[in-house]
Amino acid sequence: MALLAAGSALVAGSQLETDMQEMQVKEVRVLRAFYYQRKPIEVGKVLDLPKTFAAEMVAAKKAQYTSGDAKPAAEAVMPAPAAASQESKERSKKTGLI
């Protein structure tokens, strides 16, 4: 006797589960080549990946998000250091640090 519960939400791989996964995708740019769906993905290519797989590839530094969701560390802007006040410059001269 065959089990015919293919349409049930309790069966792994059901249509409901597949539809939910397809809705949650992230656009990424490939930084280091990797395989996806048994095909090599080349460096520089922009594609949509499932949200969890995209997060794994970003964490492994194989991809970066292209949408404004997360800024890559290379593009993060560091604030300029504050200029030393005249008082601190004079104190440094007195102590021989300058």
PDB file of N, CA and C in Angstrom:
ATOM      1  N   MET A   1       0.849  -1.163   0.000  1.00  0.00           N
ATOM      2  CA  MET A   1       0.000   0.000   0.000  1.00  0.00           C
ATOM      3  C   MET A   1       0.907   1.241   0.000  1.00  0.00           C
ATOM      4  N   ALA A   2       0.628   2.179  -0.864  1.00  0.00           N
ATOM      5  CA  ALA A   2       1.434   3.397  -0.998  1.00  0.00           C
ATOM      6  C   ALA A   2       0.852   4.520  -0.143  1.00  0.00           C
ATOM      7  N   LEU A   3       1.726   5.330   0.364  1.00  0.00           N
ATOM      8  CA  LEU A   3       1.309   6.479   1.158  1.00  0.00           C
ATOM      9  C   LEU A   3       1.066   7.648   0.206  1.00  0.00           C
ATOM     10  N   LEU A   4      -0.117   8.199   0.199  1.00  0.00           N
ATOM     11  CA  LEU A   4      -0.489   9.248  -0.753  1.00  0.00           C
ATOM     12  C   LEU A   4      -0.734  10.581  -0.041  1.00  0.00           C
ATOM     13  N   ALA A   5       0.186  11.014   0.790  1.00  0.00           N
ATOM     14  CA  ALA A   5       0.019  12.266   1.524  1.00  0.00           C
ATOM     15  C   ALA A   5       0.900  13.359   0.936  1.00  0.00           C
ATOM     16  N   ALA A   6       1.120  13.329  -0.368  1.00  0.00           N
ATOM     17  CA  ALA A   6       2.040  14.279  -0.997  1.00  0.00           C
ATOM     18  C   ALA A   6       1.582  15.727  -0.837  1.00  0.00           C
ATOM     19  N   GLY A   7       0.299  15.979  -0.785  1.00  0.00           N
ATOM     20  CA  GLY A   7      -0.199  17.339  -0.672  1.00  0.00           C
ATOM     21  C   GLY A   7      -0.291  17.853   0.757  1.00  0.00           C
ATOM     22  N   SER A   8       0.006  16.999   1.719  1.00  0.00           N
ATOM     23  CA  SER A   8      -0.117  17.378   3.122  1.00  0.00           C
ATOM     24  C   SER A   8       1.023  18.298   3.536  1.00  0.00           C
ATOM     25  N   ALA A   9       0.711  19.280   4.359  1.00  0.00           N
ATOM     26  CA  ALA A   9       1.734  20.199   4.852  1.00  0.00           C
ATOM     27  C   ALA A   9       2.669  19.519   5.843  1.00  0.00           C
ATOM     28  N   LEU A  10       2.305  18.362   6.341  1.00  0.00           N
ATOM     29  CA  LEU A  10       3.138  17.633   7.290  1.00  0.00           C
ATOM     30  C   LEU A  10       4.211  16.789   6.609  1.00  0.00           C
ATOM     31  N   VAL A  11       4.132  16.657   5.308  1.00  0.00           N
ATOM     32  CA  VAL A  11       5.097  15.849   4.564  1.00  0.00           C
ATOM     33  C   VAL A  11       6.203  16.766   4.052  1.00  0.00           C
ATOM     34  N   ALA A  12       7.454  16.393   4.313  1.00  0.00           N
ATOM     35  CA  ALA A  12       8.593  17.194   3.858  1.00  0.00           C
ATOM     36  C   ALA A  12       8.554  17.328   2.344  1.00  0.00           C
ATOM     37  N   GLY A  13       8.830  18.520   1.874  1.00  0.00           N
ATOM     38  CA  GLY A  13       8.837  18.759   0.437  1.00  0.00           C
ATOM     39  C   GLY A  13       7.462  19.028  -0.140  1.00  0.00           C
ATOM     40  N   SER A  14       6.496  19.292   0.708  1.00  0.00           N
ATOM     41  CA  SER A  14       5.154  19.556   0.207  1.00  0.00           C
ATOM     42  C   SER A  14       5.130  20.884  -0.542  1.00  0.00           C
ATOM     43  N   GLN A  15       4.111  21.109  -1.313  1.00  0.00           N
ATOM     44  CA  GLN A  15       3.984  22.319  -2.115  1.00  0.00           C
ATOM     45  C   GLN A  15       4.000  23.571  -1.248  1.00  0.00           C
ATOM     46  N   LEU A  16       3.356  23.524  -0.086  1.00  0.00           N
ATOM     47  CA  LEU A  16       3.314  24.674   0.812  1.00  0.00           C
ATOM     48  C   LEU A  16       4.722  25.054   1.269  1.00  0.00           C
ATOM     49  N   GLU A  17       5.514  24.051   1.665  1.00  0.00           N
ATOM     50  CA  GLU A  17       6.875  24.303   2.118  1.00  0.00           C
ATOM     51  C   GLU A  17       7.726  24.879   0.983  1.00  0.00           C
ATOM     52  N   THR A  18       7.588  24.340  -0.202  1.00  0.00           N
ATOM     53  CA  THR A  18       8.348  24.816  -1.353  1.00  0.00           C
ATOM     54  C   THR A  18       7.977  26.254  -1.692  1.00  0.00           C
ATOM     55  N   ASP A  19       6.700  26.588  -1.653  1.00  0.00           N
ATOM     56  CA  ASP A  19       6.257  27.949  -1.945  1.00  0.00           C
ATOM     57  C   ASP A  19       6.806  28.941  -0.916  1.00  0.00           C
ATOM     58  N   MET A  20       6.857  28.539   0.356  1.00  0.00           N
ATOM     59  CA  MET A  20       7.363  29.428   1.397  1.00  0.00           C
ATOM     60  C   MET A  20       8.841  29.726   1.173  1.00  0.00           C
ATOM     61  N   GLN A  21       9.617  28.724   0.755  1.00  0.00           N
ATOM     62  CA  GLN A  21      11.039  28.916   0.535  1.00  0.00           C
ATOM     63  C   GLN A  21      11.292  29.816  -0.665  1.00  0.00           C
ATOM     64  N   GLU A  22      10.486  29.694  -1.704  1.00  0.00           N
ATOM     65  CA  GLU A  22      10.678  30.495  -2.907  1.00  0.00           C
ATOM     66  C   GLU A  22      10.388  31.970  -2.655  1.00  0.00           C
ATOM     67  N   MET A  23       9.518  32.273  -1.716  1.00  0.00           N
ATOM     68  CA  MET A  23       9.167  33.663  -1.450  1.00  0.00           C
ATOM     69  C   MET A  23      10.294  34.397  -0.737  1.00  0.00           C
ATOM     70  N   GLN A  24      11.126  33.691   0.031  1.00  0.00           N
ATOM     71  CA  GLN A  24      12.159  34.330   0.828  1.00  0.00           C
ATOM     72  C   GLN A  24      13.508  34.205   0.121  1.00  0.00           C
ATOM     73  N   VAL A  25      13.812  35.170  -0.744  1.00  0.00           N
ATOM     74  CA  VAL A  25      15.082  35.161  -1.472  1.00  0.00           C
ATOM     75  C   VAL A  25      15.820  36.477  -1.244  1.00  0.00           C
ATOM     76  N   LYS A  26      17.131  36.433  -1.406  1.00  0.00           N
ATOM     77  CA  LYS A  26      17.976  37.617  -1.289  1.00  0.00           C
ATOM     78  C   LYS A  26      18.842  37.701  -2.534  1.00  0.00           C
ATOM     79  N   GLU A  27      19.066  38.909  -2.997  1.00  0.00           N
ATOM     80  CA  GLU A  27      19.940  39.117  -4.143  1.00  0.00           C
ATOM     81  C   GLU A  27      21.367  39.300  -3.641  1.00  0.00           C
ATOM     82  N   VAL A  28      22.305  38.531  -4.209  1.00  0.00           N
ATOM     83  CA  VAL A  28      23.704  38.601  -3.793  1.00  0.00           C
ATOM     84  C   VAL A  28      24.612  38.708  -5.013  1.00  0.00           C
ATOM     85  N   ARG A  29      25.821  39.246  -4.783  1.00  0.00           N
ATOM     86  CA  ARG A  29      26.882  39.283  -5.793  1.00  0.00           C
ATOM     87  C   ARG A  29      27.950  38.296  -5.337  1.00  0.00           C
ATOM     88  N   VAL A  30      28.402  37.447  -6.240  1.00  0.00           N
ATOM     89  CA  VAL A  30      29.365  36.401  -5.908  1.00  0.00           C
ATOM     90  C   VAL A  30      30.774  36.991  -5.808  1.00  0.00           C
ATOM     91  N   LEU A  31      31.442  36.740  -4.668  1.00  0.00           N
ATOM     92  CA  LEU A  31      32.810  37.195  -4.448  1.00  0.00           C
ATOM     93  C   LEU A  31      33.821  36.073  -4.686  1.00  0.00           C
ATOM     94  N   ARG A  32      33.435  34.831  -4.332  1.00  0.00           N
ATOM     95  CA  ARG A  32      34.258  33.649  -4.561  1.00  0.00           C
ATOM     96  C   ARG A  32      33.347  32.572  -5.128  1.00  0.00           C
ATOM     97  N   ALA A  33      33.809  31.869  -6.134  1.00  0.00           N
ATOM     98  CA  ALA A  33      32.982  30.878  -6.825  1.00  0.00           C
ATOM     99  C   ALA A  33      32.509  29.782  -5.866  1.00  0.00           C
ATOM    100  N   PHE A  34      31.283  29.298  -6.103  1.00  0.00           N
ATOM    101  CA  PHE A  34      30.723  28.185  -5.339  1.00  0.00           C
ATOM    102  C   PHE A  34      29.710  27.468  -6.223  1.00  0.00           C
ATOM    103  N   TYR A  35      29.266  26.306  -5.762  1.00  0.00           N
ATOM    104  CA  TYR A  35      28.256  25.536  -6.488  1.00  0.00           C
ATOM    105  C   TYR A  35      26.887  25.809  -5.899  1.00  0.00           C
ATOM    106  N   TYR A  36      25.893  25.946  -6.779  1.00  0.00           N
ATOM    107  CA  TYR A  36      24.506  26.098  -6.359  1.00  0.00           C
ATOM    108  C   TYR A  36      23.655  25.312  -7.342  1.00  0.00           C
ATOM    109  N   GLN A  37      22.845  24.415  -6.838  1.00  0.00           N
ATOM    110  CA  GLN A  37      22.009  23.525  -7.636  1.00  0.00           C
ATOM    111  C   GLN A  37      22.864  22.749  -8.646  1.00  0.00           C
ATOM    112  N   ARG A  38      23.997  22.238  -8.162  1.00  0.00           N
ATOM    113  CA  ARG A  38      24.924  21.408  -8.949  1.00  0.00           C
ATOM    114  C   ARG A  38      25.546  22.139 -10.131  1.00  0.00           C
ATOM    115  N   LYS A  39      25.551  23.466 -10.095  1.00  0.00           N
ATOM    116  CA  LYS A  39      26.160  24.262 -11.166  1.00  0.00           C
ATOM    117  C   LYS A  39      27.154  25.236 -10.548  1.00  0.00           C
ATOM    118  N   PRO A  40      28.313  25.446 -11.195  1.00  0.00           N
ATOM    119  CA  PRO A  40      29.268  26.426 -10.663  1.00  0.00           C
ATOM    120  C   PRO A  40      28.756  27.845 -10.900  1.00  0.00           C
ATOM    121  N   ILE A  41      28.879  28.677  -9.885  1.00  0.00           N
ATOM    122  CA  ILE A  41      28.484  30.082  -9.978  1.00  0.00           C
ATOM    123  C   ILE A  41      29.771  30.899 -10.021  1.00  0.00           C
ATOM    124  N   GLU A  42      29.940  31.685 -11.070  1.00  0.00           N
ATOM    125  CA  GLU A  42      31.179  32.413 -11.294  1.00  0.00           C
ATOM    126  C   GLU A  42      31.235  33.721 -10.495  1.00  0.00           C
ATOM    127  N   VAL A  43      32.450  34.176 -10.246  1.00  0.00           N
ATOM    128  CA  VAL A  43      32.696  35.422  -9.512  1.00  0.00           C
ATOM    129  C   VAL A  43      32.103  36.597 -10.289  1.00  0.00           C
ATOM    130  N   GLY A  44      31.452  37.501  -9.581  1.00  0.00           N
ATOM    131  CA  GLY A  44      30.882  38.700 -10.173  1.00  0.00           C
ATOM    132  C   GLY A  44      29.425  38.568 -10.581  1.00  0.00           C
ATOM    133  N   LYS A  45      28.917  37.369 -10.629  1.00  0.00           N
ATOM    134  CA  LYS A  45      27.529  37.159 -11.038  1.00  0.00           C
ATOM    135  C   LYS A  45      26.576  37.612  -9.928  1.00  0.00           C
ATOM    136  N   VAL A  46      25.456  38.202 -10.312  1.00  0.00           N
ATOM    137  CA  VAL A  46      24.420  38.632  -9.367  1.00  0.00           C
ATOM    138  C   VAL A  46      23.233  37.697  -9.549  1.00  0.00           C
ATOM    139  N   LEU A  47      22.774  37.096  -8.444  1.00  0.00           N
ATOM    140  CA  LEU A  47      21.652  36.173  -8.531  1.00  0.00           C
ATOM    141  C   LEU A  47      20.853  36.174  -7.245  1.00  0.00           C
ATOM    142  N   ASP A  48      19.639  35.631  -7.324  1.00  0.00           N
ATOM    143  CA  ASP A  48      18.763  35.493  -6.163  1.00  0.00           C
ATOM    144  C   ASP A  48      18.977  34.121  -5.555  1.00  0.00           C
ATOM    145  N   LEU A  49      19.216  34.073  -4.255  1.00  0.00           N
ATOM    146  CA  LEU A  49      19.399  32.824  -3.525  1.00  0.00           C
ATOM    147  C   LEU A  49      18.384  32.757  -2.403  1.00  0.00           C
ATOM    148  N   PRO A  50      18.036  31.539  -1.959  1.00  0.00           N
ATOM    149  CA  PRO A  50      17.183  31.428  -0.777  1.00  0.00           C
ATOM    150  C   PRO A  50      17.837  32.151   0.398  1.00  0.00           C
ATOM    151  N   LYS A  51      17.008  32.754   1.228  1.00  0.00           N
ATOM    152  CA  LYS A  51      17.488  33.616   2.314  1.00  0.00           C
ATOM    153  C   LYS A  51      18.539  32.935   3.192  1.00  0.00           C
ATOM    154  N   THR A  52      18.310  31.683   3.602  1.00  0.00           N
ATOM    155  CA  THR A  52      19.253  31.010   4.498  1.00  0.00           C
ATOM    156  C   THR A  52      20.558  30.673   3.792  1.00  0.00           C
ATOM    157  N   PHE A  53      20.488  30.238   2.539  1.00  0.00           N
ATOM    158  CA  PHE A  53      21.708  29.918   1.803  1.00  0.00           C
ATOM    159  C   PHE A  53      22.498  31.195   1.523  1.00  0.00           C
ATOM    160  N   ALA A  54      21.808  32.275   1.222  1.00  0.00           N
ATOM    161  CA  ALA A  54      22.479  33.559   0.990  1.00  0.00           C
ATOM    162  C   ALA A  54      23.210  34.001   2.257  1.00  0.00           C
ATOM    163  N   ALA A  55      22.585  33.825   3.411  1.00  0.00           N
ATOM    164  CA  ALA A  55      23.221  34.199   4.674  1.00  0.00           C
ATOM    165  C   ALA A  55      24.478  33.360   4.916  1.00  0.00           C
ATOM    166  N   GLU A  56      24.431  32.073   4.563  1.00  0.00           N
ATOM    167  CA  GLU A  56      25.609  31.205   4.709  1.00  0.00           C
ATOM    168  C   GLU A  56      26.741  31.659   3.789  1.00  0.00           C
ATOM    169  N   MET A  57      26.416  32.011   2.554  1.00  0.00           N
ATOM    170  CA  MET A  57      27.441  32.435   1.602  1.00  0.00           C
ATOM    171  C   MET A  57      28.052  33.778   2.007  1.00  0.00           C
ATOM    172  N   VAL A  58      27.242  34.680   2.558  1.00  0.00           N
ATOM    173  CA  VAL A  58      27.753  35.968   3.031  1.00  0.00           C
ATOM    174  C   VAL A  58      28.654  35.750   4.248  1.00  0.00           C
ATOM    175  N   ALA A  59      28.246  34.871   5.159  1.00  0.00           N
ATOM    176  CA  ALA A  59      29.055  34.581   6.349  1.00  0.00           C
ATOM    177  C   ALA A  59      30.391  33.946   5.965  1.00  0.00           C
ATOM    178  N   ALA A  60      30.399  33.145   4.891  1.00  0.00           N
ATOM    179  CA  ALA A  60      31.626  32.498   4.425  1.00  0.00           C
ATOM    180  C   ALA A  60      32.435  33.416   3.509  1.00  0.00           C
ATOM    181  N   LYS A  61      31.965  34.644   3.328  1.00  0.00           N
ATOM    182  CA  LYS A  61      32.609  35.648   2.478  1.00  0.00           C
ATOM    183  C   LYS A  61      32.742  35.177   1.036  1.00  0.00           C
ATOM    184  N   LYS A  62      31.734  34.431   0.589  1.00  0.00           N
ATOM    185  CA  LYS A  62      31.682  34.001  -0.801  1.00  0.00           C
ATOM    186  C   LYS A  62      30.722  34.868  -1.603  1.00  0.00           C
ATOM    187  N   ALA A  63      29.925  35.692  -0.905  1.00  0.00           N
ATOM    188  CA  ALA A  63      28.965  36.573  -1.563  1.00  0.00           C
ATOM    189  C   ALA A  63      28.722  37.784  -0.675  1.00  0.00           C
ATOM    190  N   GLN A  64      28.124  38.811  -1.286  1.00  0.00           N
ATOM    191  CA  GLN A  64      27.708  39.989  -0.530  1.00  0.00           C
ATOM    192  C   GLN A  64      26.320  40.383  -1.003  1.00  0.00           C
ATOM    193  N   TYR A  65      25.536  40.943  -0.086  1.00  0.00           N
ATOM    194  CA  TYR A  65      24.193  41.388  -0.439  1.00  0.00           C
ATOM    195  C   TYR A  65      24.290  42.570  -1.396  1.00  0.00           C
ATOM    196  N   THR A  66      23.417  42.596  -2.413  1.00  0.00           N
ATOM    197  CA  THR A  66      23.415  43.723  -3.341  1.00  0.00           C
ATOM    198  C   THR A  66      22.373  44.749  -2.952  1.00  0.00           C
ATOM    199  N   SER A  67      21.327  44.328  -2.254  1.00  0.00           N
ATOM    200  CA  SER A  67      20.320  45.286  -1.814  1.00  0.00           C
ATOM    201  C   SER A  67      20.854  46.030  -0.612  1.00  0.00           C
ATOM    202  N   GLY A  68      20.192  47.062  -0.166  1.00  0.00           N
ATOM    203  CA  GLY A  68      20.664  47.893   0.921  1.00  0.00           C
ATOM    204  C   GLY A  68      20.519  47.268   2.297  1.00  0.00           C
ATOM    205  N   ASP A  69      20.243  45.949   2.372  1.00  0.00           N
ATOM    206  CA  ASP A  69      20.028  45.300   3.660  1.00  0.00           C
ATOM    207  C   ASP A  69      21.258  45.323   4.559  1.00  0.00           C
ATOM    208  N   ALA A  70      22.403  45.027   3.999  1.00  0.00           N
ATOM    209  CA  ALA A  70      23.622  44.969   4.812  1.00  0.00           C
ATOM    210  C   ALA A  70      24.790  45.507   4.001  1.00  0.00           C
ATOM    211  N   LYS A  71      25.560  46.387   4.611  1.00  0.00           N
ATOM    212  CA  LYS A  71      26.719  46.953   3.927  1.00  0.00           C
ATOM    213  C   LYS A  71      27.920  46.047   4.125  1.00  0.00           C
ATOM    214  N   PRO A  72      28.640  45.717   3.063  1.00  0.00           N
ATOM    215  CA  PRO A  72      29.865  44.943   3.249  1.00  0.00           C
ATOM    216  C   PRO A  72      30.893  45.745   4.045  1.00  0.00           C
ATOM    217  N   ALA A  73      31.747  45.058   4.758  1.00  0.00           N
ATOM    218  CA  ALA A  73      32.735  45.719   5.609  1.00  0.00           C
ATOM    219  C   ALA A  73      33.674  46.595   4.792  1.00  0.00           C
ATOM    220  N   ALA A  74      33.972  46.212   3.552  1.00  0.00           N
ATOM    221  CA  ALA A  74      34.900  46.981   2.726  1.00  0.00           C
ATOM    222  C   ALA A  74      34.324  48.359   2.382  1.00  0.00           C
ATOM    223  N   GLU A  75      33.008  48.472   2.349  1.00  0.00           N
ATOM    224  CA  GLU A  75      32.387  49.731   1.975  1.00  0.00           C
ATOM    225  C   GLU A  75      31.998  50.577   3.191  1.00  0.00           C
ATOM    226  N   ALA A  76      32.157  50.033   4.374  1.00  0.00           N
ATOM    227  CA  ALA A  76      31.791  50.782   5.571  1.00  0.00           C
ATOM    228  C   ALA A  76      32.710  51.992   5.702  1.00  0.00           C
ATOM    229  N   VAL A  77      32.121  53.111   6.055  1.00  0.00           N
ATOM    230  CA  VAL A  77      32.895  54.350   6.158  1.00  0.00           C
ATOM    231  C   VAL A  77      33.284  54.572   7.611  1.00  0.00           C
ATOM    232  N   MET A  78      34.567  54.729   7.846  1.00  0.00           N
ATOM    233  CA  MET A  78      35.059  55.002   9.193  1.00  0.00           C
ATOM    234  C   MET A  78      35.063  56.509   9.406  1.00  0.00           C
ATOM    235  N   PRO A  79      34.635  56.996  10.566  1.00  0.00           N
ATOM    236  CA  PRO A  79      34.654  58.432  10.829  1.00  0.00           C
ATOM    237  C   PRO A  79      36.096  58.930  10.946  1.00  0.00           C
ATOM    238  N   ALA A  80      36.309  60.157  10.542  1.00  0.00           N
ATOM    239  CA  ALA A  80      37.646  60.751  10.631  1.00  0.00           C
ATOM    240  C   ALA A  80      37.992  60.983  12.096  1.00  0.00           C
ATOM    241  N   PRO A  81      39.247  60.783  12.468  1.00  0.00           N
ATOM    242  CA  PRO A  81      39.615  61.023  13.865  1.00  0.00           C
ATOM    243  C   PRO A  81      39.490  62.509  14.205  1.00  0.00           C
ATOM    244  N   ALA A  82      39.089  62.783  15.422  1.00  0.00           N
ATOM    245  CA  ALA A  82      38.917  64.168  15.855  1.00  0.00           C
ATOM    246  C   ALA A  82      40.285  64.846  15.977  1.00  0.00           C
ATOM    247  N   ALA A  83      40.341  66.097  15.603  1.00  0.00           N
ATOM    248  CA  ALA A  83      41.599  66.850  15.702  1.00  0.00           C
ATOM    249  C   ALA A  83      41.908  67.104  17.172  1.00  0.00           C
ATOM    250  N   ALA A  84      43.186  67.034  17.509  1.00  0.00           N
ATOM    251  CA  ALA A  84      43.612  67.277  18.889  1.00  0.00           C
ATOM    252  C   ALA A  84      43.428  68.752  19.225  1.00  0.00           C
ATOM    253  N   SER A  85      42.974  69.002  20.430  1.00  0.00           N
ATOM    254  CA  SER A  85      42.789  70.391  20.856  1.00  0.00           C
ATOM    255  C   SER A  85      44.142  71.019  21.162  1.00  0.00           C
ATOM    256  N   GLN A  86      44.175  72.319  21.188  1.00  0.00           N
ATOM    257  CA  GLN A  86      45.411  73.057  21.492  1.00  0.00           C
ATOM    258  C   GLN A  86      45.921  72.692  22.884  1.00  0.00           C
ATOM    259  N   GLU A  87      45.003  72.521  23.817  1.00  0.00           N
ATOM    260  CA  GLU A  87      45.376  72.177  25.191  1.00  0.00           C
ATOM    261  C   GLU A  87      46.095  70.820  25.244  1.00  0.00           C
ATOM    262  N   SER A  88      45.581  69.830  24.519  1.00  0.00           N
ATOM    263  CA  SER A  88      46.225  68.520  24.541  1.00  0.00           C
ATOM    264  C   SER A  88      47.582  68.557  23.843  1.00  0.00           C
ATOM    265  N   LYS A  89      47.732  69.396  22.821  1.00  0.00           N
ATOM    266  CA  LYS A  89      49.031  69.546  22.157  1.00  0.00           C
ATOM    267  C   LYS A  89      50.063  70.128  23.122  1.00  0.00           C
ATOM    268  N   GLU A  90      49.658  71.137  23.882  1.00  0.00           N
ATOM    269  CA  GLU A  90      50.571  71.757  24.857  1.00  0.00           C
ATOM    270  C   GLU A  90      50.952  70.766  25.953  1.00  0.00           C
ATOM    271  N   ARG A  91      49.996  69.977  26.421  1.00  0.00           N
ATOM    272  CA  ARG A  91      50.260  68.976  27.443  1.00  0.00           C
ATOM    273  C   ARG A  91      51.257  67.934  26.919  1.00  0.00           C
ATOM    274  N   SER A  92      51.124  67.550  25.652  1.00  0.00           N
ATOM    275  CA  SER A  92      52.046  66.583  25.054  1.00  0.00           C
ATOM    276  C   SER A  92      53.446  67.144  24.962  1.00  0.00           C
ATOM    277  N   LYS A  93      53.572  68.433  24.647  1.00  0.00           N
ATOM    278  CA  LYS A  93      54.892  69.065  24.565  1.00  0.00           C
ATOM    279  C   LYS A  93      55.567  69.081  25.945  1.00  0.00           C
ATOM    280  N   LYS A  94      54.782  69.384  26.981  1.00  0.00           N
ATOM    281  CA  LYS A  94      55.327  69.439  28.347  1.00  0.00           C
ATOM    282  C   LYS A  94      55.827  68.081  28.806  1.00  0.00           C
ATOM    283  N   THR A  95      55.113  67.030  28.443  1.00  0.00           N
ATOM    284  CA  THR A  95      55.497  65.686  28.894  1.00  0.00           C
ATOM    285  C   THR A  95      56.536  65.047  27.988  1.00  0.00           C
ATOM    286  N   GLY A  96      56.873  65.702  26.886  1.00  0.00           N
ATOM    287  CA  GLY A  96      57.892  65.196  25.989  1.00  0.00           C
ATOM    288  C   GLY A  96      57.401  64.162  24.981  1.00  0.00           C
ATOM    289  N   LEU A  97      56.105  64.084  24.781  1.00  0.00           N
ATOM    290  CA  LEU A  97      55.565  63.136  23.819  1.00  0.00           C
ATOM    291  C   LEU A  97      55.675  63.630  22.397  1.00  0.00           C
ATOM    292  N   ILE A  98      55.883  64.928  22.229  1.00  0.00           N
ATOM    293  CA  ILE A  98      56.029  65.475  20.862  1.00  0.00           C
ATOM    294  C   ILE A  98      57.422  65.998  20.677  1.00  0.00           C
TER     295      ILE A  98
END
